[in-house]
Protein backbone atom coordinates (compact mmCIF):
# COMPACT_ATOMS: atom_id res chain seq x y z
CA MET A 1 0.00 -0.05 -0.12
CA LYS A 2 0.88 3.70 -0.44
CA PHE A 3 0.87 5.77 2.56
CA PHE A 4 1.34 9.50 3.05
CA ILE A 5 2.21 11.29 6.14
CA VAL A 6 2.55 15.09 6.91
CA GLU A 7 3.30 16.73 10.33
CA GLY A 8 -0.35 16.74 11.49
CA ASN A 9 -0.44 12.81 11.24
CA ILE A 10 2.29 12.89 13.93
CA GLY A 11 1.12 15.55 16.41
CA ASN A 12 0.84 19.33 16.78
CA ASN A 13 4.53 19.98 17.52
CA ALA A 14 5.97 17.75 14.72
CA THR A 15 8.42 19.39 12.32
CA LYS A 16 8.84 18.89 8.57
CA GLU A 17 12.43 17.45 9.36
CA GLN A 18 10.86 14.87 11.89
CA THR A 19 8.35 13.88 9.51
CA LEU A 20 10.73 13.23 6.68
CA GLU A 21 13.17 11.47 9.20
CA LEU A 22 10.07 9.04 10.07
CA ILE A 23 9.43 8.51 6.29
CA GLU A 24 13.00 7.65 5.80
CA LEU A 25 12.81 5.06 8.57
CA LEU A 26 9.63 3.44 7.54
CA LYS A 27 10.96 3.30 3.86
CA LYS A 28 14.17 1.41 5.13
CA GLU A 29 11.64 -1.00 6.64
CA GLY A 30 10.11 -1.49 3.24
CA TRP A 31 6.93 0.63 3.63
CA ASN A 32 5.88 2.56 0.70
CA VAL A 33 5.39 6.03 2.07
CA GLU A 34 5.67 9.52 0.99
CA TYR A 35 5.54 12.89 2.35
CA GLY A 36 2.23 14.76 1.59
CA LYS A 37 -1.78 14.52 1.85
CA GLY A 38 -3.32 11.72 0.21
CA LYS A 39 -5.42 8.60 0.36
CA ASN A 40 -3.78 5.70 1.71
CA LYS A 41 -4.43 3.24 -1.29
CA PRO A 42 -3.33 -0.21 -2.49
CA ALA A 43 -0.34 -0.12 -4.77
CA ASP A 44 -0.57 -3.53 -5.91
CA MET A 45 -3.48 -5.95 -7.04
CA SER A 46 -2.36 -8.43 -4.53
CA GLU A 47 -3.21 -5.98 -1.76
CA PHE A 48 -6.78 -5.48 -2.63
CA GLY A 49 -9.05 -7.02 0.46
CA GLN A 50 -5.92 -6.84 2.46
CA GLU A 51 -6.06 -3.19 3.23
CA GLU A 52 -7.07 -3.63 7.00
CA ASN A 53 -4.54 -6.00 7.72
CA ILE A 54 -1.60 -3.68 5.96
CA THR A 55 -3.00 -0.61 7.65
CA ASP A 56 -2.74 -2.33 10.95
CA SER A 57 0.84 -3.29 10.38
CA PHE A 58 1.70 0.15 9.09
CA SER A 59 0.31 1.59 12.17
CA ASN A 60 2.33 -0.63 14.57
CA ALA A 61 5.48 0.32 12.37
CA PHE A 62 4.39 4.03 12.26
CA MET A 63 4.07 4.19 16.07
CA ALA A 64 7.18 2.31 16.78
CA GLY A 65 8.99 4.78 14.52
CA ILE A 66 7.69 7.76 16.48
CA ALA A 67 8.88 6.03 19.79
CA LYS A 68 12.28 5.31 18.17
CA LEU A 69 12.85 8.87 17.03
CA GLY A 70 11.36 10.44 20.19
CA ILE A 71 8.97 12.73 18.37
């Protein structure tokens, strides 16, 4: 799936630099994530019908990344 992140997804005090750092961390973990606003969407036909499971896994990685970076 393709995910989009902006500062508001992280918290009111998050900076663009922190957001970009989180995105790079998630990319290194294999996630398809970009800076910007957009609707998260399947990037491959095999992902259709699996959106909820993929989103749950991404949420876990996202929260772990925030904790790791101390945001």
